[in-house]
Amino acid sequence: AVLGTQASTSDPSALAAFNAVHERAGL
């Protein structure tokens, strides 16, 4: 939702949310 219609985002809050899931998988 933070990304929205943008091609990409480096928004810190969006990255924190994504990485919480991503890093749990060992990535």
PDB file of all heavy atoms in Angstrom:
ATOM      1  N   ALA A   1       0.832  -1.211   0.000  1.00  0.00           N
ATOM      2  CA  ALA A   1       0.000   0.000   0.000  1.00  0.00           C
ATOM      3  C   ALA A   1       0.864   1.257   0.000  1.00  0.00           C
ATOM      4  O   ALA A   1       0.531   2.248  -0.652  1.00  0.00           O
ATOM      5  CB  ALA A   1      -0.933  -0.016   1.200  1.00  0.00           C
ATOM      6  N   VAL A   2       1.965   1.236   0.740  1.00  0.00           N
ATOM      7  CA  VAL A   2       2.884   2.384   0.728  1.00  0.00           C
ATOM      8  C   VAL A   2       3.519   2.536  -0.645  1.00  0.00           C
ATOM      9  O   VAL A   2       3.671   3.657  -1.156  1.00  0.00           O
ATOM     10  CB  VAL A   2       3.959   2.220   1.817  1.00  0.00           C
ATOM     11  CG1 VAL A   2       5.038   3.288   1.668  1.00  0.00           C
ATOM     12  CG2 VAL A   2       3.326   2.304   3.204  1.00  0.00           C
ATOM     13  N   LEU A   3       3.875   1.440  -1.265  1.00  0.00           N
ATOM     14  CA  LEU A   3       4.410   1.485  -2.638  1.00  0.00           C
ATOM     15  C   LEU A   3       3.385   2.110  -3.582  1.00  0.00           C
ATOM     16  O   LEU A   3       3.712   2.972  -4.405  1.00  0.00           O
ATOM     17  CB  LEU A   3       4.776   0.082  -3.108  1.00  0.00           C
ATOM     18  CG  LEU A   3       5.173  -0.061  -4.583  1.00  0.00           C
ATOM     19  CD1 LEU A   3       6.504   0.641  -4.861  1.00  0.00           C
ATOM     20  CD2 LEU A   3       5.247  -1.538  -4.971  1.00  0.00           C
ATOM     21  N   GLY A   4       2.133   1.688  -3.461  1.00  0.00           N
ATOM     22  CA  GLY A   4       1.060   2.244  -4.287  1.00  0.00           C
ATOM     23  C   GLY A   4       1.338   2.128  -5.767  1.00  0.00           C
ATOM     24  O   GLY A   4       1.652   1.055  -6.271  1.00  0.00           O
ATOM     25  N   THR A   5       1.260   3.236  -6.468  1.00  0.00           N
ATOM     26  CA  THR A   5       1.458   3.245  -7.914  1.00  0.00           C
ATOM     27  C   THR A   5       2.898   3.556  -8.314  1.00  0.00           C
ATOM     28  O   THR A   5       3.202   3.659  -9.503  1.00  0.00           O
ATOM     29  CB  THR A   5       0.521   4.275  -8.559  1.00  0.00           C
ATOM     30  OG1 THR A   5       0.803   5.570  -8.011  1.00  0.00           O
ATOM     31  CG2 THR A   5      -0.936   3.917  -8.305  1.00  0.00           C
ATOM     32  N   GLN A   6       3.781   3.697  -7.343  1.00  0.00           N
ATOM     33  CA  GLN A   6       5.177   3.988  -7.653  1.00  0.00           C
ATOM     34  C   GLN A   6       5.870   2.761  -8.243  1.00  0.00           C
ATOM     35  O   GLN A   6       5.493   1.620  -7.975  1.00  0.00           O
ATOM     36  CB  GLN A   6       5.918   4.400  -6.388  1.00  0.00           C
ATOM     37  CG  GLN A   6       5.345   5.586  -5.637  1.00  0.00           C
ATOM     38  CD  GLN A   6       6.050   5.790  -4.314  1.00  0.00           C
ATOM     39  OE1 GLN A   6       7.082   6.462  -4.243  1.00  0.00           O
ATOM     40  NE2 GLN A   6       5.510   5.191  -3.252  1.00  0.00           N
ATOM     41  N   ALA A   7       6.905   2.997  -9.018  1.00  0.00           N
ATOM     42  CA  ALA A   7       7.693   1.892  -9.562  1.00  0.00           C
ATOM     43  C   ALA A   7       8.489   1.190  -8.473  1.00  0.00           C
ATOM     44  O   ALA A   7       8.704  -0.028  -8.518  1.00  0.00           O
ATOM     45  CB  ALA A   7       8.630   2.394 -10.661  1.00  0.00           C
ATOM     46  N   SER A   8       8.933   1.947  -7.486  1.00  0.00           N
ATOM     47  CA  SER A   8       9.693   1.380  -6.374  1.00  0.00           C
ATOM     48  C   SER A   8       9.592   2.319  -5.183  1.00  0.00           C
ATOM     49  O   SER A   8       9.170   3.469  -5.310  1.00  0.00           O
ATOM     50  CB  SER A   8      11.165   1.170  -6.755  1.00  0.00           C
ATOM     51  OG  SER A   8      11.799   2.407  -6.997  1.00  0.00           O
ATOM     52  N   THR A   9       9.962   1.805  -4.021  1.00  0.00           N
ATOM     53  CA  THR A   9       9.986   2.643  -2.820  1.00  0.00           C
ATOM     54  C   THR A   9      11.110   2.196  -1.904  1.00  0.00           C
ATOM     55  O   THR A   9      11.441   1.008  -1.838  1.00  0.00           O
ATOM     56  CB  THR A   9       8.644   2.590  -2.064  1.00  0.00           C
ATOM     57  OG1 THR A   9       8.700   3.494  -0.967  1.00  0.00           O
ATOM     58  CG2 THR A   9       8.358   1.191  -1.532  1.00  0.00           C
ATOM     59  N   SER A  10      11.685   3.179  -1.206  1.00  0.00           N
ATOM     60  CA  SER A  10      12.651   2.903  -0.136  1.00  0.00           C
ATOM     61  C   SER A  10      12.134   3.462   1.175  1.00  0.00           C
ATOM     62  O   SER A  10      12.920   3.728   2.096  1.00  0.00           O
ATOM     63  CB  SER A  10      14.014   3.524  -0.484  1.00  0.00           C
ATOM     64  OG  SER A  10      14.562   2.930  -1.648  1.00  0.00           O
ATOM     65  N   ASP A  11      10.819   3.609   1.260  1.00  0.00           N
ATOM     66  CA  ASP A  11      10.205   4.115   2.478  1.00  0.00           C
ATOM     67  C   ASP A  11      10.609   3.226   3.659  1.00  0.00           C
ATOM     68  O   ASP A  11      10.423   2.003   3.615  1.00  0.00           O
ATOM     69  CB  ASP A  11       8.688   4.114   2.327  1.00  0.00           C
ATOM     70  CG  ASP A  11       7.984   4.606   3.569  1.00  0.00           C
ATOM     71  OD1 ASP A  11       7.692   3.764   4.458  1.00  0.00           O
ATOM     72  OD2 ASP A  11       7.742   5.813   3.672  1.00  0.00           O
ATOM     73  N   PRO A  12      11.163   3.811   4.716  1.00  0.00           N
ATOM     74  CA  PRO A  12      11.659   2.997   5.840  1.00  0.00           C
ATOM     75  C   PRO A  12      10.592   2.129   6.492  1.00  0.00           C
ATOM     76  O   PRO A  12      10.865   0.993   6.884  1.00  0.00           O
ATOM     77  CB  PRO A  12      12.212   4.038   6.818  1.00  0.00           C
ATOM     78  CG  PRO A  12      12.522   5.228   5.973  1.00  0.00           C
ATOM     79  CD  PRO A  12      11.475   5.241   4.902  1.00  0.00           C
ATOM     80  N   SER A  13       9.377   2.663   6.629  1.00  0.00           N
ATOM     81  CA  SER A  13       8.327   1.879   7.292  1.00  0.00           C
ATOM     82  C   SER A  13       7.882   0.702   6.421  1.00  0.00           C
ATOM     83  O   SER A  13       7.598  -0.394   6.929  1.00  0.00           O
ATOM     84  CB  SER A  13       7.138   2.764   7.642  1.00  0.00           C
ATOM     85  OG  SER A  13       6.529   3.305   6.477  1.00  0.00           O
ATOM     86  N   ALA A  14       7.816   0.918   5.102  1.00  0.00           N
ATOM     87  CA  ALA A  14       7.467  -0.173   4.195  1.00  0.00           C
ATOM     88  C   ALA A  14       8.547  -1.246   4.207  1.00  0.00           C
ATOM     89  O   ALA A  14       8.255  -2.452   4.216  1.00  0.00           O
ATOM     90  CB  ALA A  14       7.252   0.358   2.782  1.00  0.00           C
ATOM     91  N   LEU A  15       9.813  -0.810   4.193  1.00  0.00           N
ATOM     92  CA  LEU A  15      10.923  -1.769   4.232  1.00  0.00           C
ATOM     93  C   LEU A  15      10.924  -2.560   5.535  1.00  0.00           C
ATOM     94  O   LEU A  15      11.173  -3.772   5.545  1.00  0.00           O
ATOM     95  CB  LEU A  15      12.255  -1.043   4.061  1.00  0.00           C
ATOM     96  CG  LEU A  15      12.543  -0.476   2.679  1.00  0.00           C
ATOM     97  CD1 LEU A  15      13.796   0.389   2.704  1.00  0.00           C
ATOM     98  CD2 LEU A  15      12.703  -1.608   1.656  1.00  0.00           C
ATOM     99  N   ALA A  16      10.645  -1.884   6.647  1.00  0.00           N
ATOM    100  CA  ALA A  16      10.627  -2.579   7.936  1.00  0.00           C
ATOM    101  C   ALA A  16       9.547  -3.659   7.961  1.00  0.00           C
ATOM    102  O   ALA A  16       9.782  -4.772   8.457  1.00  0.00           O
ATOM    103  CB  ALA A  16      10.397  -1.575   9.066  1.00  0.00           C
ATOM    104  N   ALA A  17       8.375  -3.339   7.421  1.00  0.00           N
ATOM    105  CA  ALA A  17       7.286  -4.315   7.386  1.00  0.00           C
ATOM    106  C   ALA A  17       7.640  -5.499   6.488  1.00  0.00           C
ATOM    107  O   ALA A  17       7.465  -6.666   6.865  1.00  0.00           O
ATOM    108  CB  ALA A  17       6.007  -3.635   6.904  1.00  0.00           C
ATOM    109  N   PHE A  18       8.140  -5.193   5.303  1.00  0.00           N
ATOM    110  CA  PHE A  18       8.507  -6.256   4.361  1.00  0.00           C
ATOM    111  C   PHE A  18       9.626  -7.120   4.918  1.00  0.00           C
ATOM    112  O   PHE A  18       9.563  -8.359   4.893  1.00  0.00           O
ATOM    113  CB  PHE A  18       8.931  -5.629   3.030  1.00  0.00           C
ATOM    114  CG  PHE A  18       9.359  -6.631   1.991  1.00  0.00           C
ATOM    115  CD1 PHE A  18       8.440  -7.168   1.113  1.00  0.00           C
ATOM    116  CD2 PHE A  18      10.681  -7.040   1.896  1.00  0.00           C
ATOM    117  CE1 PHE A  18       8.825  -8.098   0.158  1.00  0.00           C
ATOM    118  CE2 PHE A  18      11.082  -7.967   0.946  1.00  0.00           C
ATOM    119  CZ  PHE A  18      10.140  -8.499   0.068  1.00  0.00           C
ATOM    120  N   ASN A  19      10.661  -6.498   5.429  1.00  0.00           N
ATOM    121  CA  ASN A  19      11.837  -7.247   5.884  1.00  0.00           C
ATOM    122  C   ASN A  19      11.554  -8.101   7.107  1.00  0.00           C
ATOM    123  O   ASN A  19      12.221  -9.125   7.314  1.00  0.00           O
ATOM    124  CB  ASN A  19      13.000  -6.287   6.145  1.00  0.00           C
ATOM    125  CG  ASN A  19      13.676  -5.842   4.856  1.00  0.00           C
ATOM    126  OD1 ASN A  19      13.767  -6.595   3.894  1.00  0.00           O
ATOM    127  ND2 ASN A  19      14.140  -4.599   4.840  1.00  0.00           N
ATOM    128  N   ALA A  20      10.580  -7.721   7.912  1.00  0.00           N
ATOM    129  CA  ALA A  20      10.223  -8.563   9.048  1.00  0.00           C
ATOM    130  C   ALA A  20       9.782  -9.948   8.573  1.00  0.00           C
ATOM    131  O   ALA A  20      10.144 -10.971   9.170  1.00  0.00           O
ATOM    132  CB  ALA A  20       9.116  -7.898   9.861  1.00  0.00           C
ATOM    133  N   VAL A  21       9.014  -9.986   7.500  1.00  0.00           N
ATOM    134  CA  VAL A  21       8.571 -11.255   6.923  1.00  0.00           C
ATOM    135  C   VAL A  21       9.717 -11.927   6.176  1.00  0.00           C
ATOM    136  O   VAL A  21       9.958 -13.137   6.312  1.00  0.00           O
ATOM    137  CB  VAL A  21       7.378 -11.014   5.973  1.00  0.00           C
ATOM    138  CG1 VAL A  21       6.940 -12.313   5.303  1.00  0.00           C
ATOM    139  CG2 VAL A  21       6.215 -10.380   6.730  1.00  0.00           C
ATOM    140  N   HIS A  22      10.433 -11.160   5.412  1.00  0.00           N
ATOM    141  CA  HIS A  22      11.513 -11.658   4.554  1.00  0.00           C
ATOM    142  C   HIS A  22      12.646 -12.285   5.378  1.00  0.00           C
ATOM    143  O   HIS A  22      13.138 -13.373   5.060  1.00  0.00           O
ATOM    144  CB  HIS A  22      12.038 -10.475   3.736  1.00  0.00           C
ATOM    145  CG  HIS A  22      12.903 -10.835   2.571  1.00  0.00           C
ATOM    146  ND1 HIS A  22      12.443 -11.540   1.487  1.00  0.00           N
ATOM    147  CD2 HIS A  22      14.215 -10.557   2.310  1.00  0.00           C
ATOM    148  CE1 HIS A  22      13.409 -11.675   0.600  1.00  0.00           C
ATOM    149  NE2 HIS A  22      14.506 -11.101   1.081  1.00  0.00           N
ATOM    150  N   GLU A  23      13.035 -11.595   6.442  1.00  0.00           N
ATOM    151  CA  GLU A  23      14.158 -12.076   7.242  1.00  0.00           C
ATOM    152  C   GLU A  23      13.786 -13.297   8.071  1.00  0.00           C
ATOM    153  O   GLU A  23      14.658 -14.123   8.387  1.00  0.00           O
ATOM    154  CB  GLU A  23      14.680 -10.959   8.140  1.00  0.00           C
ATOM    155  CG  GLU A  23      15.366  -9.833   7.363  1.00  0.00           C
ATOM    156  CD  GLU A  23      15.893  -8.744   8.275  1.00  0.00           C
ATOM    157  OE1 GLU A  23      16.938  -8.983   8.935  1.00  0.00           O
ATOM    158  OE2 GLU A  23      15.269  -7.664   8.340  1.00  0.00           O
ATOM    159  N   ARG A  24      12.534 -13.429   8.444  1.00  0.00           N
ATOM    160  CA  ARG A  24      12.127 -14.634   9.162  1.00  0.00           C
ATOM    161  C   ARG A  24      12.418 -15.878   8.325  1.00  0.00           C
ATOM    162  O   ARG A  24      12.687 -16.957   8.857  1.00  0.00           O
ATOM    163  CB  ARG A  24      10.637 -14.585   9.527  1.00  0.00           C
ATOM    164  CG  ARG A  24      10.165 -15.841  10.254  1.00  0.00           C
ATOM    165  CD  ARG A  24       8.750 -15.754  10.752  1.00  0.00           C
ATOM    166  NE  ARG A  24       7.748 -15.630   9.701  1.00  0.00           N
ATOM    167  CZ  ARG A  24       6.432 -15.693   9.910  1.00  0.00           C
ATOM    168  NH1 ARG A  24       5.967 -15.847  11.139  1.00  0.00           N
ATOM    169  NH2 ARG A  24       5.586 -15.559   8.906  1.00  0.00           N
ATOM    170  N   ALA A  25      12.366 -15.742   7.009  1.00  0.00           N
ATOM    171  CA  ALA A  25      12.625 -16.855   6.104  1.00  0.00           C
ATOM    172  C   ALA A  25      14.107 -17.112   5.885  1.00  0.00           C
ATOM    173  O   ALA A  25      14.482 -17.940   5.046  1.00  0.00           O
ATOM    174  CB  ALA A  25      11.942 -16.596   4.766  1.00  0.00           C
ATOM    175  N   GLY A  26      14.973 -16.396   6.617  1.00  0.00           N
ATOM    176  CA  GLY A  26      16.410 -16.599   6.497  1.00  0.00           C
ATOM    177  C   GLY A  26      17.073 -15.809   5.406  1.00  0.00           C
ATOM    178  O   GLY A  26      18.225 -16.085   5.052  1.00  0.00           O
ATOM    179  N   LEU A  27      16.364 -14.818   4.881  1.00  0.00           N
ATOM    180  CA  LEU A  27      16.883 -14.030   3.772  1.00  0.00           C
ATOM    181  C   LEU A  27      17.393 -12.671   4.256  1.00  0.00           C
ATOM    182  O   LEU A  27      16.955 -12.158   5.287  1.00  0.00           O
ATOM    183  CB  LEU A  27      15.788 -13.827   2.722  1.00  0.00           C
ATOM    184  CG  LEU A  27      15.250 -15.126   2.105  1.00  0.00           C
ATOM    185  CD1 LEU A  27      14.004 -14.850   1.269  1.00  0.00           C
ATOM    186  CD2 LEU A  27      16.319 -15.809   1.258  1.00  0.00           C
TER     187      LEU A  27
END
